[in-house]
Every structure is written in C-alpha cells, then in structure tokens.
Amino acid sequence: MRIKDDYRSLTGSQKAALLLMSVGEENASKLFGLMHDDEIREISQTMANLGTVSATVVERLFVEFADQISSTGSLTGTYESTERLLLKVLDKSKVDSIMDEIRGPAGRTMWDKLGNVNEAVLANYLKNEYPQTVAVVLSKVKADHASRVLGLLPEAFAMEVIMRMLRMEAVQKDVLDDVERTLRNEFMSNLARSTRRDAHEMIAEIFNNLDRATEARFMTSLEERNRDSAEKVKALMFTFDDLGKLDPGGVQTLLRSVEKDKLPLALKGASEGVRDLFLSNMSERASKMLREDMAAMGPVRLREVEEAQMAMVVIAKELAAKGEIVLSDKKGEDELIY
C-alpha cells in the first residue's frame, strides 16, 4: 500500500480526517457530535480511503493547525452551532428568543433591523398600533423607507400618524425603550419565525427549474390533490413569458447580461410578444443579426430552448435581487422578485 508522504497533496477532507483520527476516539466523538450529517459522511468516507500516512505528514498537519488557530483565531460559526452552544448554558425559551432575533432582519440596532423589513410587512404590523407609536417608529427609520410604509397605511390612519410626527418633540428615552422592547418581543420574534423559508416558495423555485413537460405533469397532480396549494405555487413561479412585463430599460439591462449564444435559442421558442419586446429594444443592426441567427438555426430541440430560457430567467432574478431591474409580480404590481 502506498504511503502518503507529500503534505501538499492532502485535501481539506483528508486533513480533517487525519486530525480526527489523531486526537483519539473520545475527542473525535465529541467533534463528530458538533458536525452536520453530510460533514460526518464526507469525513468518514475519507477516513476509510485514507490508507497509510507518514508520521512526518501528521506532524506537519498539527503544526499547521496550531499555527492557524494561534495566529488568526479563525473559526467557522453557523446558526446551528451557535444554537447548540447556547443550549448548553441557557434554557430553551431564552435560546429560542435569541435565535429568532439573529435569524430576523440584519442590522446592529432595532432601527437598523426595521430598515431591512419589507415595507408591506412593516405597514401591516403598524396599522394595528397606536398612531403615536407608529410616529415614533417612522421617525427612527430612514425617510425613504418611512415614506413607503406611510403610503401603505390606511389614509385616515396615515394622516393621524403624520399629525403626531409634526407635533412630536424629542422622544423620552423610556418611551423609546418601551417601543423598542415591544418591537423586539412581539414583531421581530414573529417575523423571524414567519420568514423561515415558505414551503410554497421552495416548490415554486423547484418547479421553475423543471422542464415544461415535467412541470406541467407535477402541477396537474398537485391541482388534483390540493388546488389551493397549486394556486399559491403558480402565483410564486416566475416564467420566461413573465419577462414580457419588463420595461425597456430592464430589457436592455438583461440583454447586456445574457450570453450571446443563449439569446437566439431562447427567443426562437418565445411567444411573439416576448420576442418582439426584445427585438424592439435592440439596435436595427443587432435585431437583424438576431433574426438571421434564429432563421439559420433551423429546427431546435425543445429541451435546449427551455434551458436557454431558464438561464435568462435566472439572470433576470439575479439582476432584480441587485435592484438593477424590476420584475412585475403576477398581478402586474412593481415588486422585486428574489
């Protein structure tokens, strides 16, 4: 059996496996207890195929490990590892509260966090609060975010809030602390729980990546079993045809981002409306060349067309997530789709 004696050839998994084998069964079992199943599976498989490793390589591994820990203190933390650690020192209800806040919107302070909450979600919560409370909250978030929230509140209620903001003087610290405490205990904890990934969103994303025949088959079966769920999934799905709702600026931004060989293939199988939208937002020369490319292709496989169209949809979603284009939802409202 060949002995591994070149440290530089070791992979990350092999280094981890070697380290665990070297610290003894008791210590290794404790470390395994802190890992995910897929990590345990990968390292175990590596152990089984490791073979013989020279003492020099093992010694080099421990020196490198000690150097990295002492010089950088580099450690990797996850939600799960943090939660496991907290559960060893705190009761579960306290840990749940802390983890809910961590999983909630990003931001160092409560007001930073509120600034990252979707305005519709925030408005839906605030419309049930006292106008004075809403006035305090809107005075603490950025003006552009406050304006969007205000525009979504019932008009009469919004005017009550505005009048209180106009008359509002410096907010006393105890009042501000009370509002912040309420938001943290009632709103943020509920929001963190509700923003964990929705099952319908997950299925919509999976269906979006199926070929049309398979997606149609699954959707038909889902409609037969649970029509309500099928309708929710349909509403969350974003298809190539929905690109027809892009404004001219969005079309041009997308065109600059799409691979040139994907475009003729995707548009060859597109509806006339979508095809015309893209061609009309190109220069006359580029439009003519694209038409010639599509004509020169002759018959093309449906799977290839679908793959090219899906690639364009993926790029469009990425651009929307960056705020570079706006994708309309199923109701035609201007709303970013992530």
Protein backbone atom coordinates (compact mmCIF):
# COMPACT_ATOMS: atom_id res chain seq x y z
CA MET A 1 0.00 0.00 0.00
CA ARG A 2 1.37 3.43 -0.98
CA ILE A 3 2.29 5.68 1.95
CA LYS A 4 1.17 9.32 1.71
CA ASP A 5 4.27 11.39 2.36
CA ASP A 6 3.54 14.62 0.46
CA TYR A 7 1.70 17.08 2.71
CA ARG A 8 0.91 19.43 -0.19
CA SER A 9 -1.24 16.79 -1.88
CA LEU A 10 -3.67 16.46 1.05
CA THR A 11 -7.21 17.76 0.52
CA GLY A 12 -9.21 19.59 3.18
CA SER A 13 -11.26 16.47 3.90
CA GLN A 14 -8.10 14.38 4.28
CA LYS A 15 -6.62 16.90 6.72
CA ALA A 16 -9.83 16.85 8.79
CA ALA A 17 -9.92 13.05 8.75
CA LEU A 18 -6.28 12.82 9.82
CA LEU A 19 -6.81 15.30 12.64
CA LEU A 20 -9.81 13.40 13.98
CA MET A 21 -8.00 10.07 13.79
CA SER A 22 -5.05 11.55 15.70
CA VAL A 23 -6.92 13.04 18.69
CA GLY A 24 -8.30 9.74 19.98
CA GLU A 25 -11.76 8.17 19.87
CA GLU A 26 -13.21 10.11 22.81
CA ASN A 27 -12.21 13.53 21.45
CA ALA A 28 -13.16 12.56 17.89
CA SER A 29 -16.64 11.51 19.01
CA LYS A 30 -17.15 14.91 20.67
CA LEU A 31 -16.11 16.68 17.48
CA PHE A 32 -18.38 14.49 15.36
CA GLY A 33 -21.23 15.49 17.66
CA LEU A 34 -20.79 19.10 16.55
CA MET A 35 -20.95 18.34 12.83
CA HIS A 36 -23.74 18.08 10.28
CA ASP A 37 -24.61 14.66 8.87
CA ASP A 38 -23.15 15.50 5.46
CA GLU A 39 -19.86 16.58 7.07
CA ILE A 40 -19.68 13.35 9.08
CA ARG A 41 -20.44 11.33 5.95
CA GLU A 42 -17.73 13.04 3.89
CA ILE A 43 -15.03 12.77 6.56
CA SER A 44 -15.93 9.15 7.36
CA GLN A 45 -15.65 8.18 3.71
CA THR A 46 -12.28 9.96 3.51
CA MET A 47 -11.06 8.11 6.62
CA ALA A 48 -11.98 4.77 5.12
CA ASN A 49 -9.94 5.51 1.97
CA LEU A 50 -7.03 7.32 3.58
CA GLY A 51 -4.53 4.46 3.62
CA THR A 52 -1.17 4.87 5.35
CA VAL A 53 0.10 8.37 6.12
CA SER A 54 3.69 9.04 7.20
CA ALA A 55 4.45 10.40 10.67
CA THR A 56 6.11 13.44 9.05
CA VAL A 57 2.83 14.42 7.32
CA VAL A 58 0.84 14.02 10.56
CA GLU A 59 3.35 16.18 12.43
CA ARG A 60 3.19 18.83 9.70
CA LEU A 61 -0.62 18.81 9.93
CA PHE A 62 -0.59 19.52 13.68
CA VAL A 63 1.97 22.30 13.28
CA GLU A 64 -0.16 23.98 10.60
CA PHE A 65 -3.33 23.54 12.66
CA ALA A 66 -1.70 25.08 15.75
CA ASP A 67 -0.27 27.95 13.71
CA GLN A 68 -3.62 28.79 12.12
CA ILE A 69 -5.52 28.74 15.38
CA SER A 70 -2.93 30.78 17.27
CA SER A 71 -2.26 33.35 14.54
CA THR A 72 -5.72 34.04 13.16
CA GLY A 73 -8.17 32.55 15.62
CA SER A 74 -10.12 31.54 12.51
CA LEU A 75 -13.26 29.62 13.38
CA THR A 76 -16.46 28.94 11.45
CA GLY A 77 -19.80 29.58 13.09
CA THR A 78 -23.28 28.69 11.88
CA TYR A 79 -26.81 29.21 13.19
CA GLU A 80 -26.90 25.56 14.19
CA SER A 81 -23.55 25.50 16.02
CA THR A 82 -24.45 28.74 17.82
CA GLU A 83 -27.80 27.34 18.90
CA ARG A 84 -26.19 24.11 20.18
CA LEU A 85 -23.67 26.12 22.21
CA LEU A 86 -26.33 28.40 23.71
CA LEU A 87 -28.50 25.43 24.71
CA LYS A 88 -25.67 24.21 26.95
CA VAL A 89 -25.74 27.39 29.05
CA LEU A 90 -29.27 28.84 28.68
CA ASP A 91 -32.82 27.50 28.90
CA LYS A 92 -34.57 26.73 25.62
CA SER A 93 -37.07 29.62 25.72
CA LYS A 94 -34.24 32.13 26.09
CA VAL A 95 -32.25 30.47 23.30
CA ASP A 96 -35.32 30.48 21.02
CA SER A 97 -35.74 34.21 21.66
CA ILE A 98 -32.09 34.94 20.86
CA MET A 99 -32.06 32.77 17.73
CA ASP A 100 -35.30 34.34 16.47
CA GLU A 101 -33.67 37.75 16.68
CA ILE A 102 -30.48 36.53 15.00
CA ARG A 103 -32.44 34.95 12.16
CA GLY A 104 -34.51 38.11 11.75
CA PRO A 105 -33.57 41.07 9.51
CA ALA A 106 -29.94 42.20 9.50
CA GLY A 107 -28.84 45.24 11.49
CA ARG A 108 -26.97 46.11 14.65
CA THR A 109 -29.82 48.04 16.29
CA MET A 110 -33.57 47.55 16.30
CA TRP A 111 -33.95 50.53 13.97
CA ASP A 112 -31.35 49.14 11.56
CA LYS A 113 -33.31 45.89 11.53
CA LEU A 114 -36.60 47.68 10.83
CA GLY A 115 -34.95 49.38 7.87
CA ASN A 116 -34.44 45.94 6.32
CA VAL A 117 -38.03 44.79 6.82
CA ASN A 118 -40.23 44.81 3.73
CA GLU A 119 -42.43 47.91 3.86
CA ALA A 120 -45.63 45.92 3.28
CA VAL A 121 -44.83 43.62 6.23
CA LEU A 122 -44.00 46.58 8.47
CA ALA A 123 -47.10 48.53 7.43
CA ASN A 124 -49.32 45.52 8.07
CA TYR A 125 -47.98 45.34 11.63
CA LEU A 126 -48.03 49.08 12.37
CA LYS A 127 -51.61 49.64 11.19
CA ASN A 128 -52.77 47.88 14.37
CA GLU A 129 -50.63 50.04 16.69
CA TYR A 130 -51.39 53.43 18.25
CA PRO A 131 -50.67 56.36 15.87
CA GLN A 132 -48.21 57.79 18.39
CA THR A 133 -46.24 54.51 18.42
CA VAL A 134 -46.17 54.47 14.62
CA ALA A 135 -45.00 58.09 14.61
CA VAL A 136 -42.08 57.17 16.88
CA VAL A 137 -41.13 54.19 14.70
CA LEU A 138 -41.27 56.15 11.42
CA SER A 139 -39.22 58.94 12.94
CA LYS A 140 -36.43 56.46 13.66
CA VAL A 141 -36.13 54.76 10.26
CA LYS A 142 -34.76 56.26 7.04
CA ALA A 143 -37.04 58.73 5.26
CA ASP A 144 -37.36 56.73 2.02
CA HIS A 145 -38.40 53.60 3.94
CA ALA A 146 -40.80 55.60 6.15
CA SER A 147 -42.43 57.11 3.06
CA ARG A 148 -43.12 53.69 1.53
CA VAL A 149 -44.59 52.39 4.80
CA LEU A 150 -46.72 55.51 5.20
CA GLY A 151 -48.08 55.11 1.67
CA LEU A 152 -49.31 51.60 2.50
CA LEU A 153 -51.18 52.59 5.67
CA PRO A 154 -54.93 53.40 5.53
CA GLU A 155 -55.18 57.09 4.56
CA ALA A 156 -57.04 58.33 7.64
CA PHE A 157 -54.67 56.43 9.94
CA ALA A 158 -51.64 57.70 7.99
CA MET A 159 -52.82 61.31 8.50
CA GLU A 160 -53.13 60.70 12.25
CA VAL A 161 -49.54 59.48 12.22
CA ILE A 162 -48.36 62.50 10.20
CA MET A 163 -50.04 64.95 12.60
CA ARG A 164 -48.35 63.30 15.57
CA MET A 165 -45.00 63.39 13.79
CA LEU A 166 -45.46 67.11 13.15
CA ARG A 167 -46.20 67.76 16.83
CA MET A 168 -43.60 65.36 18.14
CA GLU A 169 -40.76 66.74 20.19
CA ALA A 170 -37.71 64.83 21.44
CA VAL A 171 -38.86 61.34 22.40
CA GLN A 172 -38.08 60.46 26.01
CA LYS A 173 -35.65 57.59 26.43
CA ASP A 174 -38.03 55.44 28.49
CA VAL A 175 -40.74 55.79 25.80
CA LEU A 176 -38.24 54.86 23.10
CA ASP A 177 -37.00 51.88 25.13
CA ASP A 178 -40.59 50.71 25.63
CA VAL A 179 -41.35 50.90 21.89
CA GLU A 180 -38.10 49.10 21.09
CA ARG A 181 -38.84 46.37 23.63
CA THR A 182 -42.33 45.83 22.21
CA LEU A 183 -41.00 45.62 18.67
CA ARG A 184 -38.34 43.11 19.68
CA ASN A 185 -40.64 40.90 21.74
CA GLU A 186 -43.73 40.97 19.53
CA PHE A 187 -42.78 41.91 15.99
CA MET A 188 -39.22 40.72 15.40
CA SER A 189 -39.64 37.32 17.03
CA ASN A 190 -42.80 36.64 15.00
CA LEU A 191 -41.13 37.96 11.84
CA ALA A 192 -38.11 35.71 12.30
CA ARG A 193 -40.36 32.68 12.62
CA SER A 194 -42.53 33.68 9.66
CA THR A 195 -39.61 34.45 7.35
CA ARG A 196 -38.15 30.98 7.54
CA ARG A 197 -38.49 29.67 4.04
CA ASP A 198 -42.07 29.23 2.89
CA ALA A 199 -42.79 25.75 1.54
CA HIS A 200 -44.74 27.14 -1.44
CA GLU A 201 -41.78 29.37 -2.39
CA MET A 202 -39.48 26.35 -2.24
CA ILE A 203 -41.74 24.27 -4.51
CA ALA A 204 -42.19 27.21 -6.92
CA GLU A 205 -38.42 27.54 -7.25
CA ILE A 206 -38.07 23.79 -7.85
CA PHE A 207 -40.89 23.81 -10.44
CA ASN A 208 -39.25 26.78 -12.16
CA ASN A 209 -36.20 24.61 -12.82
CA LEU A 210 -38.12 21.65 -14.27
CA ASP A 211 -38.60 21.20 -18.00
CA ARG A 212 -42.10 22.22 -19.11
CA ALA A 213 -43.46 18.72 -19.61
CA THR A 214 -42.38 17.56 -16.13
CA GLU A 215 -43.53 20.79 -14.50
CA ALA A 216 -46.95 20.51 -16.19
CA ARG A 217 -47.28 16.90 -15.03
CA PHE A 218 -46.44 17.75 -11.41
CA MET A 219 -48.65 20.83 -11.43
CA THR A 220 -51.62 18.83 -12.73
CA SER A 221 -51.13 16.25 -9.99
CA LEU A 222 -50.82 18.99 -7.36
CA GLU A 223 -54.04 20.62 -8.59
CA GLU A 224 -55.83 17.30 -8.20
CA ARG A 225 -54.58 16.82 -4.63
CA ASN A 226 -54.58 20.39 -3.31
CA ARG A 227 -55.92 23.16 -5.56
CA ASP A 228 -55.16 25.93 -3.04
CA SER A 229 -51.51 24.95 -2.79
CA ALA A 230 -51.27 24.65 -6.57
CA GLU A 231 -52.60 28.19 -7.00
CA LYS A 232 -50.11 29.55 -4.43
CA VAL A 233 -47.21 27.82 -6.19
CA LYS A 234 -48.38 29.15 -9.59
CA ALA A 235 -48.55 32.69 -8.21
CA LEU A 236 -44.97 32.43 -6.91
CA MET A 237 -43.48 30.94 -10.08
CA PHE A 238 -41.71 33.26 -12.49
CA THR A 239 -41.53 32.04 -16.07
CA PHE A 240 -39.82 33.16 -19.25
CA ASP A 241 -43.10 34.65 -20.52
CA ASP A 242 -43.14 36.95 -17.49
CA LEU A 243 -40.08 38.68 -18.94
CA GLY A 244 -42.59 40.25 -21.34
CA LYS A 245 -43.53 42.60 -18.47
CA LEU A 246 -40.07 44.18 -18.33
CA ASP A 247 -39.78 47.87 -19.13
CA PRO A 248 -37.40 48.92 -21.95
CA GLY A 249 -34.59 49.73 -19.51
CA GLY A 250 -34.95 46.30 -17.89
CA VAL A 251 -34.86 44.56 -21.28
CA GLN A 252 -31.67 46.38 -22.26
CA THR A 253 -30.01 45.59 -18.91
CA LEU A 254 -30.93 41.92 -19.31
CA LEU A 255 -29.67 41.84 -22.90
CA ARG A 256 -26.27 43.09 -21.76
CA SER A 257 -26.05 40.27 -19.20
CA VAL A 258 -27.22 37.30 -21.29
CA GLU A 259 -24.72 35.05 -23.09
CA LYS A 260 -24.91 35.82 -26.81
CA ASP A 261 -25.39 32.19 -27.83
CA LYS A 262 -28.35 31.75 -25.42
CA LEU A 263 -30.43 34.65 -26.75
CA PRO A 264 -31.35 33.37 -30.26
CA LEU A 265 -32.13 29.93 -28.84
CA ALA A 266 -34.36 31.36 -26.07
CA LEU A 267 -36.21 33.77 -28.37
CA LYS A 268 -36.72 31.17 -31.10
CA GLY A 269 -39.12 29.38 -28.75
CA ALA A 270 -40.61 32.57 -27.26
CA SER A 271 -44.10 33.93 -27.81
CA GLU A 272 -44.39 36.61 -30.48
CA GLY A 273 -44.97 39.31 -27.85
CA VAL A 274 -41.83 38.49 -25.84
CA ARG A 275 -39.74 38.12 -29.00
CA ASP A 276 -40.91 41.49 -30.35
CA LEU A 277 -40.23 43.18 -26.99
CA PHE A 278 -36.58 42.08 -27.04
CA LEU A 279 -36.05 42.80 -30.74
CA SER A 280 -37.59 46.27 -30.44
CA ASN A 281 -35.12 47.16 -27.68
CA MET A 282 -32.09 46.33 -29.81
CA SER A 283 -30.38 48.40 -32.48
CA GLU A 284 -31.62 47.80 -36.02
CA ARG A 285 -28.36 46.04 -36.91
CA ALA A 286 -28.37 43.80 -33.81
CA SER A 287 -32.06 42.97 -34.33
CA LYS A 288 -31.42 41.97 -37.94
CA MET A 289 -28.47 39.78 -36.97
CA LEU A 290 -30.51 38.07 -34.25
CA ARG A 291 -33.35 37.30 -36.68
CA GLU A 292 -30.80 35.83 -39.11
CA ASP A 293 -29.27 33.73 -36.33
CA MET A 294 -32.69 32.33 -35.39
CA ALA A 295 -33.55 31.56 -39.01
CA ALA A 296 -30.20 29.86 -39.60
CA MET A 297 -30.75 27.52 -36.64
CA GLY A 298 -33.49 25.55 -38.30
CA PRO A 299 -35.35 23.10 -36.02
CA VAL A 300 -34.06 23.08 -32.45
CA ARG A 301 -34.70 20.74 -29.53
CA LEU A 302 -37.36 21.88 -27.07
CA ARG A 303 -35.09 20.99 -24.14
CA GLU A 304 -32.35 23.28 -25.46
CA VAL A 305 -34.81 26.16 -25.85
CA GLU A 306 -36.12 25.64 -22.32
CA GLU A 307 -32.60 25.56 -20.89
CA ALA A 308 -31.71 28.81 -22.65
CA GLN A 309 -34.93 30.46 -21.43
CA MET A 310 -34.36 29.26 -17.87
CA ALA A 311 -30.83 30.70 -17.99
CA MET A 312 -32.34 34.09 -18.91
CA VAL A 313 -34.88 33.84 -16.08
CA VAL A 314 -32.11 33.05 -13.57
CA ILE A 315 -30.09 36.08 -14.75
CA ALA A 316 -33.21 38.29 -14.56
CA LYS A 317 -33.82 37.21 -10.95
CA GLU A 318 -30.19 37.92 -10.05
CA LEU A 319 -30.43 41.40 -11.58
CA ALA A 320 -33.70 42.01 -9.70
CA ALA A 321 -32.11 40.93 -6.44
CA LYS A 322 -29.38 43.54 -7.01
CA GLY A 323 -32.02 46.19 -7.76
CA GLU A 324 -30.81 46.63 -11.35
CA ILE A 325 -34.16 45.69 -12.93
CA VAL A 326 -37.74 45.41 -11.69
CA LEU A 327 -39.78 42.29 -12.31
CA SER A 328 -43.54 42.57 -12.08
CA ASP A 329 -45.46 40.07 -9.98
CA LYS A 330 -48.44 38.09 -11.27
CA LYS A 331 -50.78 40.97 -10.51
CA GLY A 332 -48.67 43.37 -12.53
CA GLU A 333 -47.52 45.31 -9.49
CA ASP A 334 -43.97 46.59 -9.40
CA GLU A 335 -42.32 44.29 -6.95
CA LEU A 336 -38.88 42.77 -6.82
CA ILE A 337 -38.84 39.00 -7.11
CA TYR A 338 -35.99 37.22 -5.37
